[in-house]
Amino acid sequence: MRKKNYKGRCEKRVLSKCIGICRTYDALQYAYADLLEENEGVKEFQCNVALSTEEYTTDFFCEMENGDVMVRECVLRKHLTKPMTVKLLDISREYWLKHGVNDWGVVIDEE
């Protein structure tokens, strides 16, 4: 999750399954976008989807081939114990649960 108007370094690229331009802000997001692109179960996905009631965005919103929806948040392992990270993940999880998304998860980098 990031603020809607995040001003950090951004890599823009075009992926066939991504709706619009795929904007990634770190190596973890970049690598996960590649995984989604290669995953045959993923029909299409969006990056950095704005939460309508908050000032933040969700990293990946994916529509699967079977019609289900999957949401993933990318978090660096070193940030997992930070209180703000925990708060933002809770906001995201609660938001998507209220919108009927049950497949919500966190993507973490390797050690």
C-alpha atoms as a PDB file:
ATOM      1  CA  MET A   1       0.000   0.000   0.000  1.00  0.00           C
ATOM      2  CA  ARG A   2       1.095   3.496  -0.768  1.00  0.00           C
ATOM      3  CA  LYS A   3      -0.352   6.969  -0.567  1.00  0.00           C
ATOM      4  CA  LYS A   4      -2.334   7.911  -3.679  1.00  0.00           C
ATOM      5  CA  ASN A   5       0.105  10.664  -4.629  1.00  0.00           C
ATOM      6  CA  TYR A   6       3.292   8.760  -3.815  1.00  0.00           C
ATOM      7  CA  LYS A   7       6.296  10.634  -5.231  1.00  0.00           C
ATOM      8  CA  GLY A   8       8.920   7.872  -5.162  1.00  0.00           C
ATOM      9  CA  ARG A   9      10.777   6.229  -8.029  1.00  0.00           C
ATOM     10  CA  CYS A  10       8.368   4.599 -10.484  1.00  0.00           C
ATOM     11  CA  GLU A  11       8.992   2.172 -13.329  1.00  0.00           C
ATOM     12  CA  LYS A  12       6.341   2.228 -16.032  1.00  0.00           C
ATOM     13  CA  ARG A  13       5.831  -0.589 -18.506  1.00  0.00           C
ATOM     14  CA  VAL A  14       3.181  -2.257 -20.592  1.00  0.00           C
ATOM     15  CA  LEU A  15       2.119  -5.801 -19.721  1.00  0.00           C
ATOM     16  CA  SER A  16      -0.518  -7.654 -21.713  1.00  0.00           C
ATOM     17  CA  LYS A  17      -2.644  -8.622 -18.673  1.00  0.00           C
ATOM     18  CA  CYS A  18      -2.327  -5.269 -16.909  1.00  0.00           C
ATOM     19  CA  ILE A  19      -5.119  -2.770 -17.413  1.00  0.00           C
ATOM     20  CA  GLY A  20      -3.383   0.500 -18.311  1.00  0.00           C
ATOM     21  CA  ILE A  21       0.266   1.203 -17.587  1.00  0.00           C
ATOM     22  CA  CYS A  22       1.877  -1.022 -14.960  1.00  0.00           C
ATOM     23  CA  ARG A  23       3.559   1.306 -12.446  1.00  0.00           C
ATOM     24  CA  THR A  24       5.805  -0.397  -9.910  1.00  0.00           C
ATOM     25  CA  TYR A  25       7.616   1.364  -7.087  1.00  0.00           C
ATOM     26  CA  ASP A  26      10.064  -1.292  -5.882  1.00  0.00           C
ATOM     27  CA  ALA A  27      11.683  -4.570  -6.919  1.00  0.00           C
ATOM     28  CA  LEU A  28       9.078  -6.654  -5.084  1.00  0.00           C
ATOM     29  CA  GLN A  29       6.159  -5.063  -6.958  1.00  0.00           C
ATOM     30  CA  TYR A  30       8.072  -5.370 -10.233  1.00  0.00           C
ATOM     31  CA  ALA A  31       8.745  -9.091  -9.696  1.00  0.00           C
ATOM     32  CA  TYR A  32       5.164  -9.827  -8.595  1.00  0.00           C
ATOM     33  CA  ALA A  33       3.766  -8.081 -11.688  1.00  0.00           C
ATOM     34  CA  ASP A  34       5.915 -10.452 -13.759  1.00  0.00           C
ATOM     35  CA  LEU A  35       4.516 -13.444 -11.838  1.00  0.00           C
ATOM     36  CA  LEU A  36       0.950 -12.291 -12.459  1.00  0.00           C
ATOM     37  CA  GLU A  37       1.726 -11.797 -16.145  1.00  0.00           C
ATOM     38  CA  GLU A  38       2.994 -15.391 -16.421  1.00  0.00           C
ATOM     39  CA  ASN A  39       0.235 -16.969 -14.283  1.00  0.00           C
ATOM     40  CA  GLU A  40      -2.305 -18.671 -16.552  1.00  0.00           C
ATOM     41  CA  GLY A  41      -4.986 -18.420 -13.851  1.00  0.00           C
ATOM     42  CA  VAL A  42      -4.905 -14.614 -13.949  1.00  0.00           C
ATOM     43  CA  LYS A  43      -7.159 -13.047 -16.578  1.00  0.00           C
ATOM     44  CA  GLU A  44      -6.144  -9.409 -15.958  1.00  0.00           C
ATOM     45  CA  PHE A  45      -4.868  -7.202 -13.171  1.00  0.00           C
ATOM     46  CA  GLN A  46      -4.536  -3.582 -12.095  1.00  0.00           C
ATOM     47  CA  CYS A  47      -1.694  -1.949 -10.180  1.00  0.00           C
ATOM     48  CA  ASN A  48      -2.095   0.663  -7.448  1.00  0.00           C
ATOM     49  CA  VAL A  49      -5.889   0.664  -7.232  1.00  0.00           C
ATOM     50  CA  ALA A  50      -7.209   3.542  -5.129  1.00  0.00           C
ATOM     51  CA  LEU A  51      -9.281   2.718  -2.060  1.00  0.00           C
ATOM     52  CA  SER A  52     -12.304   4.962  -2.439  1.00  0.00           C
ATOM     53  CA  THR A  53     -12.582   5.929   1.229  1.00  0.00           C
ATOM     54  CA  GLU A  54      -8.887   6.277   1.994  1.00  0.00           C
ATOM     55  CA  GLU A  55      -5.792   8.141   0.792  1.00  0.00           C
ATOM     56  CA  TYR A  56      -4.082   4.879  -0.121  1.00  0.00           C
ATOM     57  CA  THR A  57      -3.804   2.390  -2.965  1.00  0.00           C
ATOM     58  CA  THR A  58      -3.785  -1.402  -3.129  1.00  0.00           C
ATOM     59  CA  ASP A  59      -0.803  -2.887  -4.933  1.00  0.00           C
ATOM     60  CA  PHE A  60      -2.569  -5.504  -7.093  1.00  0.00           C
ATOM     61  CA  PHE A  61      -6.226  -6.163  -7.916  1.00  0.00           C
ATOM     62  CA  CYS A  62      -6.537  -9.318 -10.040  1.00  0.00           C
ATOM     63  CA  GLU A  63      -9.408 -10.918 -11.905  1.00  0.00           C
ATOM     64  CA  MET A  64      -8.933 -14.652 -12.239  1.00  0.00           C
ATOM     65  CA  GLU A  65      -9.970 -16.854 -15.175  1.00  0.00           C
ATOM     66  CA  ASN A  66     -12.614 -18.535 -12.990  1.00  0.00           C
ATOM     67  CA  GLY A  67     -14.251 -15.169 -12.206  1.00  0.00           C
ATOM     68  CA  ASP A  68     -12.854 -14.759  -8.695  1.00  0.00           C
ATOM     69  CA  VAL A  69     -11.050 -11.625  -7.510  1.00  0.00           C
ATOM     70  CA  MET A  70      -7.686 -11.615  -5.745  1.00  0.00           C
ATOM     71  CA  VAL A  71      -6.008  -8.685  -3.955  1.00  0.00           C
ATOM     72  CA  ARG A  72      -2.330  -8.619  -3.015  1.00  0.00           C
ATOM     73  CA  GLU A  73      -0.274  -6.126  -1.030  1.00  0.00           C
ATOM     74  CA  CYS A  74       3.534  -6.137  -1.409  1.00  0.00           C
ATOM     75  CA  VAL A  75       5.527  -5.541   1.773  1.00  0.00           C
ATOM     76  CA  LEU A  76       9.255  -5.712   2.346  1.00  0.00           C
ATOM     77  CA  ARG A  77      10.112  -8.123   5.172  1.00  0.00           C
ATOM     78  CA  LYS A  78      11.954  -5.397   7.106  1.00  0.00           C
ATOM     79  CA  HIS A  79       8.742  -3.308   7.231  1.00  0.00           C
ATOM     80  CA  LEU A  80       6.436  -6.058   8.543  1.00  0.00           C
ATOM     81  CA  THR A  81       6.850  -5.139  12.197  1.00  0.00           C
ATOM     82  CA  LYS A  82       6.355  -1.405  11.753  1.00  0.00           C
ATOM     83  CA  PRO A  83       3.091  -0.175  13.304  1.00  0.00           C
ATOM     84  CA  MET A  84       2.176   1.965  10.269  1.00  0.00           C
ATOM     85  CA  THR A  85       2.590  -1.016   7.926  1.00  0.00           C
ATOM     86  CA  VAL A  86       0.326  -3.135  10.125  1.00  0.00           C
ATOM     87  CA  LYS A  87      -2.260  -0.332  10.232  1.00  0.00           C
ATOM     88  CA  LEU A  88      -2.244   0.065   6.426  1.00  0.00           C
ATOM     89  CA  LEU A  89      -2.558  -3.686   5.861  1.00  0.00           C
ATOM     90  CA  ASP A  90      -5.531  -3.799   8.229  1.00  0.00           C
ATOM     91  CA  ILE A  91      -7.173  -0.900   6.366  1.00  0.00           C
ATOM     92  CA  SER A  92      -6.705  -2.707   3.056  1.00  0.00           C
ATOM     93  CA  ARG A  93      -7.965  -6.061   4.342  1.00  0.00           C
ATOM     94  CA  GLU A  94     -11.058  -4.543   5.942  1.00  0.00           C
ATOM     95  CA  TYR A  95     -11.815  -2.454   2.831  1.00  0.00           C
ATOM     96  CA  TRP A  96     -11.679  -5.437   0.483  1.00  0.00           C
ATOM     97  CA  LEU A  97     -13.615  -7.716   2.838  1.00  0.00           C
ATOM     98  CA  LYS A  98     -16.418  -5.121   2.909  1.00  0.00           C
ATOM     99  CA  HIS A  99     -16.373  -5.191  -0.906  1.00  0.00           C
ATOM    100  CA  GLY A 100     -16.746  -8.985  -1.052  1.00  0.00           C
ATOM    101  CA  VAL A 101     -13.127  -9.939  -1.776  1.00  0.00           C
ATOM    102  CA  ASN A 102     -12.137 -12.982   0.271  1.00  0.00           C
ATOM    103  CA  ASP A 103      -8.821 -13.753  -1.459  1.00  0.00           C
ATOM    104  CA  TRP A 104      -6.673 -11.041   0.132  1.00  0.00           C
ATOM    105  CA  GLY A 105      -3.000 -11.611   0.875  1.00  0.00           C
ATOM    106  CA  VAL A 106       0.439 -10.177   1.459  1.00  0.00           C
ATOM    107  CA  VAL A 107       3.468 -10.731  -0.781  1.00  0.00           C
ATOM    108  CA  ILE A 108       6.769 -10.632   1.120  1.00  0.00           C
ATOM    109  CA  ASP A 109      10.314 -10.602  -0.233  1.00  0.00           C
ATOM    110  CA  GLU A 110      12.720 -13.454   0.488  1.00  0.00           C
ATOM    111  CA  GLU A 111      15.268 -13.235   3.258  1.00  0.00           C
END
